[in-house]
Amino acid sequence: MSAALAPYIEKLDAALAEKNVVTDYLNIAQEKTGLPKRNIVLGAIALTVVWLAIGIGSSLLCSVVCFVYPAYKSFKAVESPQGDDDTQWLTYWIVYSTFNILEYFTDLILFWIPMYNLLKCLFLLWCMWPIPNNGATIVYKKILRPFLLKNEEKIDAKLDKVTGKVNKYVDDARREVADFSESSAGQMIAAGSKVAAETASQQIDDALNEDEDKDKDI
């Protein structure tokens, strides 16, 4: 068991040896507690696992862990000149979005699974794990990609239909607003709004001038 974990412990030690904001705080914690940074991190991981299993707010914690870190890594991928990391994180977000959609419609069933948030977090961690064939790559290539390629034309047709309807509603709403603004009622409302804005601006100026006069008197 220890031999299997040795490569991961070495990677953890290498990461803790780097100079950044997180390791700076860990150095402070190490000085205050006398515990090695590795033990502090492993203890935090153990506490997180227990919290995800039985703690209040475990759903929120899982969402933070599985969203914030990938979001930051996606930012780093966008800013980097390489393209491999872009593909990696785009694949993760496809799997993540699909999982959230399925979770929404099966929430009443998933609610009864013991330690569901822990299992969910472990699955998403597997999907984002920095290895060539992580969970996101496997799920995408084995399940999502074949399904999307098979139904790509149908999905595009549905999207075009929905987009066309939305654009039509927007155009109709814009036309109605333009017609109303040109009507007598619309012009009256616009004139009233203009007068109200000018009155409010004048009141603010009067109040400021009054305060200045008081300061001068003092």
N, C-alpha and C. Protein backbone atom coordinates (compact mmCIF):
# COMPACT_ATOMS: atom_id res chain seq x y z
N MET A 1 0.84 -1.21 0.00
CA MET A 1 0.00 0.00 0.00
C MET A 1 0.86 1.25 0.00
N SER A 2 1.89 1.25 0.88
CA SER A 2 2.77 2.41 0.96
C SER A 2 3.55 2.59 -0.32
N ALA A 3 3.94 1.47 -0.97
CA ALA A 3 4.67 1.55 -2.24
C ALA A 3 3.79 2.15 -3.33
N ALA A 4 2.49 1.84 -3.31
CA ALA A 4 1.59 2.38 -4.32
C ALA A 4 1.37 3.87 -4.13
N LEU A 5 1.41 4.33 -2.87
CA LEU A 5 1.18 5.75 -2.59
C LEU A 5 2.45 6.58 -2.69
N ALA A 6 3.61 5.92 -2.76
CA ALA A 6 4.87 6.65 -2.75
C ALA A 6 5.00 7.68 -3.88
N PRO A 7 4.61 7.36 -5.12
CA PRO A 7 4.73 8.38 -6.18
C PRO A 7 3.88 9.62 -5.90
N TYR A 8 2.69 9.42 -5.32
CA TYR A 8 1.82 10.56 -5.03
C TYR A 8 2.37 11.39 -3.87
N ILE A 9 2.97 10.72 -2.90
CA ILE A 9 3.59 11.46 -1.79
C ILE A 9 4.75 12.29 -2.29
N GLU A 10 5.53 11.73 -3.23
CA GLU A 10 6.64 12.48 -3.81
C GLU A 10 6.15 13.72 -4.57
N LYS A 11 5.07 13.55 -5.31
CA LYS A 11 4.49 14.69 -6.03
C LYS A 11 3.98 15.75 -5.06
N LEU A 12 3.38 15.29 -3.95
CA LEU A 12 2.90 16.23 -2.94
C LEU A 12 4.05 17.00 -2.32
N ASP A 13 5.12 16.28 -1.98
CA ASP A 13 6.30 16.95 -1.41
C ASP A 13 6.91 17.96 -2.38
N ALA A 14 6.93 17.59 -3.67
CA ALA A 14 7.46 18.52 -4.68
C ALA A 14 6.60 19.77 -4.79
N ALA A 15 5.29 19.58 -4.72
CA ALA A 15 4.38 20.73 -4.79
C ALA A 15 4.52 21.62 -3.56
N LEU A 16 4.72 21.01 -2.40
CA LEU A 16 4.86 21.78 -1.17
C LEU A 16 6.20 22.50 -1.10
N ALA A 17 7.15 22.06 -1.89
CA ALA A 17 8.46 22.72 -1.91
C ALA A 17 8.47 23.97 -2.79
N GLU A 18 7.42 24.15 -3.60
CA GLU A 18 7.35 25.31 -4.46
C GLU A 18 7.05 26.57 -3.64
N LYS A 19 7.36 27.72 -4.24
CA LYS A 19 7.13 29.00 -3.58
C LYS A 19 5.87 29.64 -4.16
N ASN A 20 4.81 29.70 -3.35
CA ASN A 20 3.58 30.36 -3.75
C ASN A 20 2.79 30.75 -2.51
N VAL A 21 1.61 31.32 -2.72
CA VAL A 21 0.81 31.82 -1.60
C VAL A 21 0.41 30.68 -0.66
N VAL A 22 0.01 29.55 -1.24
CA VAL A 22 -0.45 28.43 -0.42
C VAL A 22 0.68 27.90 0.46
N THR A 23 1.85 27.69 -0.13
CA THR A 23 2.96 27.16 0.66
C THR A 23 3.44 28.17 1.70
N ASP A 24 3.26 29.46 1.42
CA ASP A 24 3.62 30.48 2.42
C ASP A 24 2.75 30.32 3.67
N TYR A 25 1.46 30.14 3.47
CA TYR A 25 0.56 29.93 4.61
C TYR A 25 0.84 28.60 5.30
N LEU A 26 1.19 27.58 4.51
CA LEU A 26 1.53 26.30 5.11
C LEU A 26 2.81 26.39 5.94
N ASN A 27 3.76 27.20 5.49
CA ASN A 27 4.97 27.41 6.28
C ASN A 27 4.66 28.08 7.61
N ILE A 28 3.72 29.04 7.58
CA ILE A 28 3.32 29.69 8.83
C ILE A 28 2.64 28.69 9.76
N ALA A 29 1.75 27.84 9.18
CA ALA A 29 1.07 26.83 9.98
C ALA A 29 2.06 25.83 10.56
N GLN A 30 3.07 25.49 9.78
CA GLN A 30 4.10 24.56 10.26
C GLN A 30 4.88 25.15 11.43
N GLU A 31 5.18 26.44 11.36
CA GLU A 31 5.90 27.09 12.46
C GLU A 31 5.03 27.19 13.71
N LYS A 32 3.73 27.45 13.51
CA LYS A 32 2.84 27.61 14.67
C LYS A 32 2.55 26.28 15.36
N THR A 33 2.35 25.22 14.56
CA THR A 33 1.93 23.94 15.12
C THR A 33 3.08 22.97 15.35
N GLY A 34 4.19 23.15 14.63
CA GLY A 34 5.29 22.20 14.73
C GLY A 34 5.07 20.94 13.93
N LEU A 35 3.99 20.91 13.13
CA LEU A 35 3.70 19.74 12.29
C LEU A 35 4.26 19.96 10.89
N PRO A 36 4.74 18.92 10.24
CA PRO A 36 5.22 19.06 8.85
C PRO A 36 4.08 19.47 7.92
N LYS A 37 4.44 20.18 6.87
CA LYS A 37 3.43 20.64 5.91
C LYS A 37 2.67 19.47 5.30
N ARG A 38 3.37 18.39 5.04
CA ARG A 38 2.71 17.23 4.45
C ARG A 38 1.59 16.72 5.36
N ASN A 39 1.87 16.64 6.67
CA ASN A 39 0.85 16.16 7.60
C ASN A 39 -0.34 17.11 7.68
N ILE A 40 -0.07 18.42 7.58
CA ILE A 40 -1.16 19.40 7.61
C ILE A 40 -2.06 19.21 6.41
N VAL A 41 -1.46 19.03 5.24
CA VAL A 41 -2.24 18.85 4.02
C VAL A 41 -3.02 17.55 4.07
N LEU A 42 -2.37 16.47 4.48
CA LEU A 42 -3.06 15.19 4.56
C LEU A 42 -4.19 15.23 5.58
N GLY A 43 -3.97 15.94 6.68
CA GLY A 43 -5.03 16.10 7.67
C GLY A 43 -6.20 16.89 7.11
N ALA A 44 -5.91 17.95 6.33
CA ALA A 44 -6.98 18.74 5.71
C ALA A 44 -7.76 17.89 4.71
N ILE A 45 -7.04 17.03 3.98
CA ILE A 45 -7.72 16.15 3.03
C ILE A 45 -8.63 15.17 3.76
N ALA A 46 -8.12 14.59 4.87
CA ALA A 46 -8.93 13.65 5.65
C ALA A 46 -10.17 14.34 6.22
N LEU A 47 -9.99 15.57 6.72
CA LEU A 47 -11.13 16.32 7.26
C LEU A 47 -12.15 16.60 6.17
N THR A 48 -11.67 16.93 4.97
CA THR A 48 -12.57 17.20 3.85
C THR A 48 -13.36 15.96 3.49
N VAL A 49 -12.69 14.80 3.48
CA VAL A 49 -13.37 13.54 3.16
C VAL A 49 -14.46 13.26 4.18
N VAL A 50 -14.16 13.44 5.47
CA VAL A 50 -15.16 13.20 6.52
C VAL A 50 -16.32 14.18 6.38
N TRP A 51 -15.99 15.44 6.10
CA TRP A 51 -17.04 16.45 5.94
C TRP A 51 -17.94 16.11 4.76
N LEU A 52 -17.35 15.68 3.65
CA LEU A 52 -18.15 15.32 2.49
C LEU A 52 -19.04 14.12 2.78
N ALA A 53 -18.58 13.24 3.66
CA ALA A 53 -19.33 12.03 3.96
C ALA A 53 -20.51 12.31 4.88
N ILE A 54 -20.31 13.15 5.89
CA ILE A 54 -21.36 13.29 6.92
C ILE A 54 -21.66 14.74 7.29
N GLY A 55 -20.89 15.70 6.76
CA GLY A 55 -21.00 17.07 7.23
C GLY A 55 -22.14 17.85 6.62
N ILE A 56 -22.57 18.89 7.35
CA ILE A 56 -23.56 19.82 6.83
C ILE A 56 -22.90 20.73 5.80
N GLY A 57 -23.60 20.97 4.71
CA GLY A 57 -23.02 21.80 3.65
C GLY A 57 -22.05 21.06 2.76
N SER A 58 -22.08 19.73 2.78
CA SER A 58 -21.14 18.95 1.98
C SER A 58 -21.37 19.16 0.49
N SER A 59 -22.62 19.42 0.09
CA SER A 59 -22.91 19.66 -1.31
C SER A 59 -22.22 20.93 -1.80
N LEU A 60 -22.26 21.97 -0.97
CA LEU A 60 -21.58 23.22 -1.33
C LEU A 60 -20.07 23.02 -1.40
N LEU A 61 -19.52 22.29 -0.43
CA LEU A 61 -18.08 22.03 -0.43
C LEU A 61 -17.67 21.27 -1.68
N CYS A 62 -18.45 20.28 -2.06
CA CYS A 62 -18.15 19.50 -3.25
C CYS A 62 -18.17 20.38 -4.50
N SER A 63 -19.16 21.27 -4.57
CA SER A 63 -19.25 22.17 -5.72
C SER A 63 -18.05 23.10 -5.79
N VAL A 64 -17.61 23.59 -4.64
CA VAL A 64 -16.46 24.49 -4.61
C VAL A 64 -15.20 23.76 -5.06
N VAL A 65 -14.98 22.56 -4.51
CA VAL A 65 -13.78 21.79 -4.85
C VAL A 65 -13.74 21.45 -6.33
N CYS A 66 -14.88 21.07 -6.87
CA CYS A 66 -14.93 20.57 -8.25
C CYS A 66 -15.23 21.65 -9.27
N PHE A 67 -15.34 22.90 -8.83
CA PHE A 67 -15.56 24.01 -9.76
C PHE A 67 -14.44 25.04 -9.71
N VAL A 68 -14.05 25.45 -8.52
CA VAL A 68 -13.08 26.54 -8.40
C VAL A 68 -11.73 26.15 -8.98
N TYR A 69 -11.21 24.99 -8.56
CA TYR A 69 -9.90 24.55 -9.07
C TYR A 69 -9.92 24.37 -10.59
N PRO A 70 -10.89 23.64 -11.17
CA PRO A 70 -10.91 23.53 -12.63
C PRO A 70 -11.07 24.87 -13.33
N ALA A 71 -11.83 25.79 -12.72
CA ALA A 71 -12.00 27.11 -13.34
C ALA A 71 -10.66 27.84 -13.40
N TYR A 72 -9.88 27.77 -12.31
CA TYR A 72 -8.58 28.43 -12.31
C TYR A 72 -7.62 27.76 -13.30
N LYS A 73 -7.64 26.43 -13.34
CA LYS A 73 -6.78 25.72 -14.28
C LYS A 73 -7.20 26.00 -15.73
N SER A 74 -8.47 26.22 -15.95
CA SER A 74 -8.94 26.58 -17.29
C SER A 74 -8.41 27.95 -17.69
N PHE A 75 -8.42 28.87 -16.72
CA PHE A 75 -7.84 30.19 -16.97
C PHE A 75 -6.36 30.07 -17.35
N LYS A 76 -5.63 29.23 -16.61
CA LYS A 76 -4.21 29.02 -16.91
C LYS A 76 -4.04 28.40 -18.30
N ALA A 77 -4.94 27.49 -18.66
CA ALA A 77 -4.85 26.84 -19.96
C ALA A 77 -5.11 27.83 -21.09
N VAL A 78 -6.07 28.73 -20.90
CA VAL A 78 -6.38 29.72 -21.93
C VAL A 78 -5.19 30.66 -22.14
N GLU A 79 -4.51 31.01 -21.05
CA GLU A 79 -3.40 31.94 -21.12
C GLU A 79 -2.10 31.29 -21.59
N SER A 80 -2.04 29.96 -21.60
CA SER A 80 -0.80 29.28 -22.00
C SER A 80 -0.80 29.08 -23.52
N PRO A 81 0.39 29.01 -24.14
CA PRO A 81 0.46 28.83 -25.60
C PRO A 81 0.14 27.41 -26.06
N GLN A 82 0.26 26.42 -25.17
CA GLN A 82 -0.01 25.04 -25.55
C GLN A 82 -1.51 24.82 -25.73
N GLY A 83 -1.87 23.82 -26.56
CA GLY A 83 -3.27 23.53 -26.80
C GLY A 83 -3.77 22.28 -26.11
N ASP A 84 -2.84 21.44 -25.61
CA ASP A 84 -3.27 20.19 -24.99
C ASP A 84 -4.08 20.44 -23.73
N ASP A 85 -3.66 21.41 -22.91
CA ASP A 85 -4.37 21.67 -21.68
C ASP A 85 -5.75 22.26 -21.95
N ASP A 86 -5.89 23.01 -23.06
CA ASP A 86 -7.21 23.51 -23.43
C ASP A 86 -8.18 22.35 -23.67
N THR A 87 -7.72 21.37 -24.44
CA THR A 87 -8.55 20.20 -24.73
C THR A 87 -8.90 19.45 -23.45
N GLN A 88 -7.92 19.33 -22.55
CA GLN A 88 -8.15 18.61 -21.30
C GLN A 88 -9.28 19.23 -20.49
N TRP A 89 -9.23 20.56 -20.33
CA TRP A 89 -10.23 21.21 -19.48
C TRP A 89 -11.55 21.41 -20.19
N LEU A 90 -11.54 21.56 -21.52
CA LEU A 90 -12.81 21.58 -22.24
C LEU A 90 -13.53 20.23 -22.10
N THR A 91 -12.76 19.16 -22.16
CA THR A 91 -13.34 17.83 -21.96
C THR A 91 -13.94 17.70 -20.57
N TYR A 92 -13.23 18.21 -19.57
CA TYR A 92 -13.75 18.15 -18.20
C TYR A 92 -15.07 18.90 -18.09
N TRP A 93 -15.14 20.10 -18.69
CA TRP A 93 -16.36 20.90 -18.56
C TRP A 93 -17.53 20.27 -19.29
N ILE A 94 -17.27 19.55 -20.39
CA ILE A 94 -18.35 18.83 -21.07
C ILE A 94 -18.91 17.75 -20.15
N VAL A 95 -18.02 16.99 -19.52
CA VAL A 95 -18.45 15.93 -18.61
C VAL A 95 -19.14 16.54 -17.38
N TYR A 96 -18.57 17.61 -16.85
CA TYR A 96 -19.13 18.27 -15.67
C TYR A 96 -20.54 18.79 -15.95
N SER A 97 -20.74 19.42 -17.10
CA SER A 97 -22.06 19.96 -17.45
C SER A 97 -23.07 18.84 -17.63
N THR A 98 -22.65 17.78 -18.32
CA THR A 98 -23.56 16.64 -18.52
C THR A 98 -23.94 16.01 -17.19
N PHE A 99 -22.97 15.87 -16.30
CA PHE A 99 -23.24 15.29 -14.98
C PHE A 99 -24.23 16.15 -14.21
N ASN A 100 -24.08 17.47 -14.26
CA ASN A 100 -24.99 18.36 -13.53
C ASN A 100 -26.41 18.27 -14.08
N ILE A 101 -26.55 18.14 -15.41
CA ILE A 101 -27.88 18.01 -16.00
C ILE A 101 -28.54 16.71 -15.54
N LEU A 102 -27.79 15.61 -15.60
CA LEU A 102 -28.33 14.33 -15.15
C LEU A 102 -28.65 14.37 -13.66
N GLU A 103 -27.81 15.02 -12.89
CA GLU A 103 -28.03 15.12 -11.45
C GLU A 103 -29.31 15.89 -11.14
N TYR A 104 -29.59 16.93 -11.91
CA TYR A 104 -30.79 17.74 -11.68
C TYR A 104 -32.06 16.90 -11.84
N PHE A 105 -32.10 16.05 -12.87
CA PHE A 105 -33.30 15.27 -13.15
C PHE A 105 -33.40 13.99 -12.30
N THR A 106 -32.31 13.60 -11.65
CA THR A 106 -32.34 12.38 -10.82
C THR A 106 -32.08 12.70 -9.35
N ASP A 107 -32.30 13.95 -8.97
CA ASP A 107 -31.98 14.38 -7.62
C ASP A 107 -32.74 13.59 -6.56
N LEU A 108 -34.01 13.30 -6.81
CA LEU A 108 -34.82 12.58 -5.82
C LEU A 108 -34.30 11.16 -5.58
N ILE A 109 -33.66 10.58 -6.60
CA ILE A 109 -33.09 9.24 -6.44
C ILE A 109 -31.72 9.32 -5.79
N LEU A 110 -30.90 10.25 -6.25
CA LEU A 110 -29.54 10.37 -5.73
C LEU A 110 -29.53 10.78 -4.26
N PHE A 111 -30.59 11.46 -3.82
CA PHE A 111 -30.66 11.92 -2.43
C PHE A 111 -30.56 10.76 -1.45
N TRP A 112 -31.01 9.57 -1.84
CA TRP A 112 -31.05 8.43 -0.93
C TRP A 112 -29.77 7.61 -0.95
N ILE A 113 -28.82 7.95 -1.80
CA ILE A 113 -27.56 7.21 -1.85
C ILE A 113 -26.67 7.66 -0.69
N PRO A 114 -26.22 6.73 0.17
CA PRO A 114 -25.35 7.13 1.30
C PRO A 114 -24.05 7.77 0.83
N MET A 115 -23.66 8.85 1.50
CA MET A 115 -22.41 9.56 1.21
C MET A 115 -22.31 9.96 -0.28
N TYR A 116 -23.45 10.39 -0.83
CA TYR A 116 -23.48 10.70 -2.25
C TYR A 116 -22.51 11.83 -2.60
N ASN A 117 -22.45 12.88 -1.78
CA ASN A 117 -21.57 14.00 -2.10
C ASN A 117 -20.10 13.60 -2.11
N LEU A 118 -19.73 12.68 -1.23
CA LEU A 118 -18.35 12.17 -1.25
C LEU A 118 -18.09 11.40 -2.54
N LEU A 119 -19.03 10.55 -2.94
CA LEU A 119 -18.87 9.78 -4.18
C LEU A 119 -18.83 10.71 -5.39
N LYS A 120 -19.67 11.73 -5.36
CA LYS A 120 -19.68 12.70 -6.46
C LYS A 120 -18.35 13.43 -6.56
N CYS A 121 -17.84 13.85 -5.42
CA CYS A 121 -16.57 14.58 -5.40
C CYS A 121 -15.44 13.68 -5.88
N LEU A 122 -15.42 12.43 -5.45
CA LEU A 122 -14.38 11.50 -5.89
C LEU A 122 -14.45 11.28 -7.40
N PHE A 123 -15.67 11.17 -7.93
CA PHE A 123 -15.83 10.98 -9.38
C PHE A 123 -15.29 12.19 -10.15
N LEU A 124 -15.64 13.40 -9.70
CA LEU A 124 -15.18 14.60 -10.41
C LEU A 124 -13.68 14.82 -10.23
N LEU A 125 -13.15 14.43 -9.08
CA LEU A 125 -11.70 14.50 -8.91
C LEU A 125 -11.00 13.54 -9.87
N TRP A 126 -11.57 12.38 -10.06
CA TRP A 126 -11.05 11.42 -11.04
C TRP A 126 -11.11 12.02 -12.44
N CYS A 127 -12.18 12.78 -12.71
CA CYS A 127 -12.33 13.39 -14.03
C CYS A 127 -11.29 14.50 -14.27
N MET A 128 -10.88 15.19 -13.21
CA MET A 128 -9.93 16.30 -13.40
C MET A 128 -8.48 15.90 -13.09
N TRP A 129 -8.26 14.67 -12.67
CA TRP A 129 -6.92 14.25 -12.25
C TRP A 129 -5.91 14.45 -13.39
N PRO A 130 -4.74 15.04 -13.12
CA PRO A 130 -3.78 15.39 -14.18
C PRO A 130 -3.01 14.19 -14.71
N ILE A 131 -3.71 13.27 -15.35
CA ILE A 131 -3.08 12.13 -16.02
C ILE A 131 -3.67 12.05 -17.44
N PRO A 132 -2.98 11.41 -18.39
CA PRO A 132 -3.47 11.39 -19.77
C PRO A 132 -4.89 10.84 -19.92
N ASN A 133 -5.16 9.68 -19.34
CA ASN A 133 -6.49 9.07 -19.45
C ASN A 133 -7.23 9.19 -18.13
N ASN A 134 -7.61 10.41 -17.80
CA ASN A 134 -8.36 10.60 -16.56
C ASN A 134 -9.84 10.30 -16.81
N GLY A 135 -10.65 10.51 -15.79
CA GLY A 135 -12.06 10.16 -15.89
C GLY A 135 -12.79 10.91 -16.98
N ALA A 136 -12.51 12.20 -17.11
CA ALA A 136 -13.20 13.00 -18.12
C ALA A 136 -12.91 12.48 -19.52
N THR A 137 -11.65 12.13 -19.78
CA THR A 137 -11.27 11.61 -21.10
C THR A 137 -11.97 10.30 -21.40
N ILE A 138 -12.03 9.41 -20.42
CA ILE A 138 -12.66 8.10 -20.62
C ILE A 138 -14.16 8.26 -20.84
N VAL A 139 -14.82 9.05 -19.97
CA VAL A 139 -16.27 9.24 -20.11
C VAL A 139 -16.61 9.90 -21.44
N TYR A 140 -15.80 10.88 -21.83
CA TYR A 140 -16.08 11.58 -23.10
C TYR A 140 -15.90 10.65 -24.30
N LYS A 141 -14.79 9.93 -24.34
CA LYS A 141 -14.51 9.09 -25.51
C LYS A 141 -15.42 7.87 -25.57
N LYS A 142 -15.76 7.29 -24.42
CA LYS A 142 -16.54 6.05 -24.41
C LYS A 142 -18.04 6.29 -24.47
N ILE A 143 -18.52 7.43 -23.95
CA ILE A 143 -19.97 7.63 -23.83
C ILE A 143 -20.44 8.87 -24.58
N LEU A 144 -19.91 10.03 -24.20
CA LEU A 144 -20.46 11.29 -24.70
C LEU A 144 -20.14 11.51 -26.18
N ARG A 145 -18.89 11.29 -26.57
CA ARG A 145 -18.51 11.55 -27.97
C ARG A 145 -19.32 10.71 -28.95
N PRO A 146 -19.44 9.38 -28.76
CA PRO A 146 -20.27 8.60 -29.71
C PRO A 146 -21.72 9.08 -29.75
N PHE A 147 -22.27 9.43 -28.59
CA PHE A 147 -23.67 9.89 -28.56
C PHE A 147 -23.82 11.22 -29.29
N LEU A 148 -22.90 12.16 -29.04
CA LEU A 148 -23.00 13.48 -29.66
C LEU A 148 -22.77 13.41 -31.17
N LEU A 149 -21.82 12.59 -31.61
CA LEU A 149 -21.58 12.44 -33.04
C LEU A 149 -22.78 11.82 -33.75
N LYS A 150 -23.43 10.88 -33.10
CA LYS A 150 -24.59 10.22 -33.68
C LYS A 150 -25.78 11.17 -33.81
N ASN A 151 -25.93 12.08 -32.84
CA ASN A 151 -27.10 12.96 -32.81
C ASN A 151 -26.75 14.42 -33.11
N GLU A 152 -25.57 14.66 -33.68
CA GLU A 152 -25.11 16.03 -33.89
C GLU A 152 -26.05 16.83 -34.78
N GLU A 153 -26.52 16.23 -35.90
CA GLU A 153 -27.39 16.96 -36.81
C GLU A 153 -28.73 17.29 -36.16
N LYS A 154 -29.28 16.37 -35.38
CA LYS A 154 -30.55 16.62 -34.69
C LYS A 154 -30.40 17.73 -33.66
N ILE A 155 -29.29 17.69 -32.92
CA ILE A 155 -29.06 18.71 -31.90
C ILE A 155 -28.90 20.09 -32.54
N ASP A 156 -28.14 20.15 -33.64
CA ASP A 156 -27.94 21.42 -34.34
C ASP A 156 -29.27 21.97 -34.86
N ALA A 157 -30.12 21.08 -35.39
CA ALA A 157 -31.42 21.52 -35.90
C ALA A 157 -32.29 22.08 -34.79
N LYS A 158 -32.29 21.42 -33.63
CA LYS A 158 -33.07 21.91 -32.49
C LYS A 158 -32.54 23.26 -32.01
N LEU A 159 -31.22 23.38 -31.93
CA LEU A 159 -30.62 24.64 -31.48
C LEU A 159 -30.95 25.78 -32.44
N ASP A 160 -30.86 25.50 -33.75
CA ASP A 160 -31.19 26.53 -34.74
C ASP A 160 -32.65 26.95 -34.62
N LYS A 161 -33.53 25.99 -34.37
CA LYS A 161 -34.96 26.29 -34.21
C LYS A 161 -35.20 27.16 -32.98
N VAL A 162 -34.59 26.78 -31.86
CA VAL A 162 -34.76 27.56 -30.63
C VAL A 162 -34.16 28.95 -30.79
N THR A 163 -32.96 29.03 -31.39
CA THR A 163 -32.31 30.33 -31.60
C THR A 163 -33.16 31.24 -32.48
N GLY A 164 -33.76 30.65 -33.52
CA GLY A 164 -34.62 31.44 -34.39
C GLY A 164 -35.83 32.00 -33.65
N LYS A 165 -36.44 31.18 -32.78
CA LYS A 165 -37.59 31.65 -32.01
C LYS A 165 -37.19 32.76 -31.03
N VAL A 166 -36.04 32.58 -30.37
CA VAL A 166 -35.58 33.60 -29.43
C VAL A 166 -35.31 34.92 -30.15
N ASN A 167 -34.65 34.85 -31.31
CA ASN A 167 -34.37 36.06 -32.08
C ASN A 167 -35.67 36.74 -32.53
N LYS A 168 -36.67 35.94 -32.87
CA LYS A 168 -37.96 36.51 -33.28
C LYS A 168 -38.62 37.24 -32.10
N TYR A 169 -38.59 36.62 -30.91
CA TYR A 169 -39.18 37.26 -29.73
C TYR A 169 -38.44 38.56 -29.40
N VAL A 170 -37.11 38.54 -29.53
CA VAL A 170 -36.33 39.74 -29.24
C VAL A 170 -36.66 40.85 -30.23
N ASP A 171 -36.78 40.49 -31.51
CA ASP A 171 -37.12 41.49 -32.53
C ASP A 171 -38.51 42.06 -32.29
N ASP A 172 -39.46 41.20 -31.93
CA ASP A 172 -40.83 41.66 -31.65
C ASP A 172 -40.85 42.60 -30.45
N ALA A 173 -40.10 42.22 -29.40
CA ALA A 173 -40.05 43.07 -28.20
C ALA A 173 -39.41 44.41 -28.51
N ARG A 174 -38.34 44.40 -29.31
CA ARG A 174 -37.67 45.65 -29.67
C ARG A 174 -38.60 46.55 -30.49
N ARG A 175 -39.38 45.93 -31.38
CA ARG A 175 -40.32 46.69 -32.21
C ARG A 175 -41.43 47.30 -31.35
N GLU A 176 -41.94 46.53 -30.38
CA GLU A 176 -42.99 47.04 -29.51
C GLU A 176 -42.48 48.19 -28.64
N VAL A 177 -41.25 48.06 -28.17
CA VAL A 177 -40.68 49.15 -27.37
C VAL A 177 -40.52 50.41 -28.20
N ALA A 178 -40.07 50.23 -29.45
CA ALA A 178 -39.90 51.40 -30.32
C ALA A 178 -41.24 52.05 -30.63
N ASP A 179 -42.29 51.23 -30.87
CA ASP A 179 -43.61 51.78 -31.14
C ASP A 179 -44.16 52.51 -29.92
N PHE A 180 -43.94 51.94 -28.74
CA PHE A 180 -44.45 52.57 -27.52
C PHE A 180 -43.74 53.89 -27.25
N SER A 181 -42.42 53.93 -27.49
CA SER A 181 -41.68 55.16 -27.23
C SER A 181 -42.11 56.29 -28.16
N GLU A 182 -42.60 55.93 -29.36
CA GLU A 182 -43.07 56.94 -30.30
C GLU A 182 -44.51 57.35 -30.04
N SER A 183 -45.24 56.59 -29.24
CA SER A 183 -46.63 56.93 -28.94
C SER A 183 -46.69 58.09 -27.95
N SER A 184 -47.88 58.65 -27.80
CA SER A 184 -48.07 59.78 -26.88
C SER A 184 -47.80 59.38 -25.44
N ALA A 185 -48.24 58.17 -25.05
CA ALA A 185 -48.01 57.71 -23.69
C ALA A 185 -46.52 57.53 -23.42
N GLY A 186 -45.82 56.98 -24.38
CA GLY A 186 -44.39 56.80 -24.21
C GLY A 186 -43.65 58.11 -24.11
N GLN A 187 -44.06 59.08 -24.92
CA GLN A 187 -43.42 60.40 -24.86
C GLN A 187 -43.70 61.09 -23.54
N MET A 188 -44.93 60.91 -23.01
CA MET A 188 -45.26 61.49 -21.71
C MET A 188 -44.40 60.89 -20.60
N ILE A 189 -44.23 59.57 -20.63
CA ILE A 189 -43.40 58.90 -19.62
C ILE A 189 -41.96 59.35 -19.73
N ALA A 190 -41.46 59.47 -20.97
CA ALA A 190 -40.08 59.92 -21.16
C ALA A 190 -39.89 61.33 -20.65
N ALA A 191 -40.89 62.22 -20.95
CA ALA A 191 -40.80 63.61 -20.47
C ALA A 191 -40.85 63.66 -18.96
N GLY A 192 -41.74 62.85 -18.35
CA GLY A 192 -41.83 62.82 -16.90
C GLY A 192 -40.56 62.31 -16.25
N SER A 193 -39.94 61.28 -16.85
CA SER A 193 -38.68 60.76 -16.32
C SER A 193 -37.58 61.80 -16.40
N LYS A 194 -37.57 62.56 -17.51
CA LYS A 194 -36.55 63.60 -17.67
C LYS A 194 -36.71 64.69 -16.63
N VAL A 195 -37.98 65.12 -16.40
CA VAL A 195 -38.23 66.15 -15.38
C VAL A 195 -37.85 65.64 -13.99
N ALA A 196 -38.18 64.37 -13.69
CA ALA A 196 -37.85 63.81 -12.38
C ALA A 196 -36.35 63.74 -12.18
N ALA A 197 -35.62 63.37 -13.23
CA ALA A 197 -34.16 63.30 -13.13
C ALA A 197 -33.56 64.68 -12.92
N GLU A 198 -34.07 65.67 -13.64
CA GLU A 198 -33.56 67.03 -13.48
C GLU A 198 -33.86 67.57 -12.09
N THR A 199 -35.08 67.27 -11.57
CA THR A 199 -35.45 67.72 -10.22
C THR A 199 -34.56 67.09 -9.17
N ALA A 200 -34.32 65.79 -9.30
CA ALA A 200 -33.46 65.10 -8.34
C ALA A 200 -32.04 65.65 -8.39
N SER A 201 -31.54 65.91 -9.59
CA SER A 201 -30.19 66.47 -9.73
C SER A 201 -30.10 67.85 -9.09
N GLN A 202 -31.15 68.66 -9.29
CA GLN A 202 -31.16 70.00 -8.70
C GLN A 202 -31.20 69.93 -7.18
N GLN A 203 -31.99 68.99 -6.63
CA GLN A 203 -32.08 68.84 -5.18
C GLN A 203 -30.73 68.41 -4.59
N ILE A 204 -30.05 67.55 -5.29
CA ILE A 204 -28.73 67.11 -4.81
C ILE A 204 -27.76 68.28 -4.81
N ASP A 205 -27.78 69.08 -5.90
CA ASP A 205 -26.89 70.25 -5.97
C ASP A 205 -27.20 71.25 -4.87
N ASP A 206 -28.50 71.49 -4.59
CA ASP A 206 -28.89 72.42 -3.53
C ASP A 206 -28.40 71.93 -2.17
N ALA A 207 -28.54 70.60 -1.95
CA ALA A 207 -28.10 70.05 -0.66
C ALA A 207 -26.59 70.19 -0.50
N LEU A 208 -25.84 69.95 -1.57
CA LEU A 208 -24.38 70.09 -1.50
C LEU A 208 -23.98 71.54 -1.27
N ASN A 209 -24.66 72.49 -1.95
CA ASN A 209 -24.35 73.91 -1.75
C ASN A 209 -24.68 74.36 -0.34
N GLU A 210 -25.77 73.79 0.22
CA GLU A 210 -26.15 74.15 1.59
C GLU A 210 -25.10 73.68 2.58
N ASP A 211 -24.57 72.46 2.36
CA ASP A 211 -23.53 71.94 3.24
C ASP A 211 -22.26 72.79 3.14
N GLU A 212 -21.94 73.25 1.94
CA GLU A 212 -20.74 74.08 1.77
C GLU A 212 -20.92 75.41 2.50
N ASP A 213 -22.12 75.99 2.44
CA ASP A 213 -22.37 77.26 3.13
C ASP A 213 -22.24 77.08 4.65
N LYS A 214 -22.73 75.96 5.16
CA LYS A 214 -22.62 75.70 6.59
C LYS A 214 -21.16 75.57 7.00
N ASP A 215 -20.36 74.89 6.17
CA ASP A 215 -18.94 74.73 6.49
C ASP A 215 -18.23 76.07 6.52
N LYS A 216 -18.61 76.96 5.60
CA LYS A 216 -18.01 78.27 5.58
C LYS A 216 -18.36 79.09 6.83
N ASP A 217 -19.62 78.94 7.27
CA ASP A 217 -20.04 79.66 8.47
C ASP A 217 -19.30 79.19 9.70
N ILE A 218 -19.02 77.90 9.74
CA ILE A 218 -18.27 77.34 10.89
C ILE A 218 -16.84 77.83 10.88
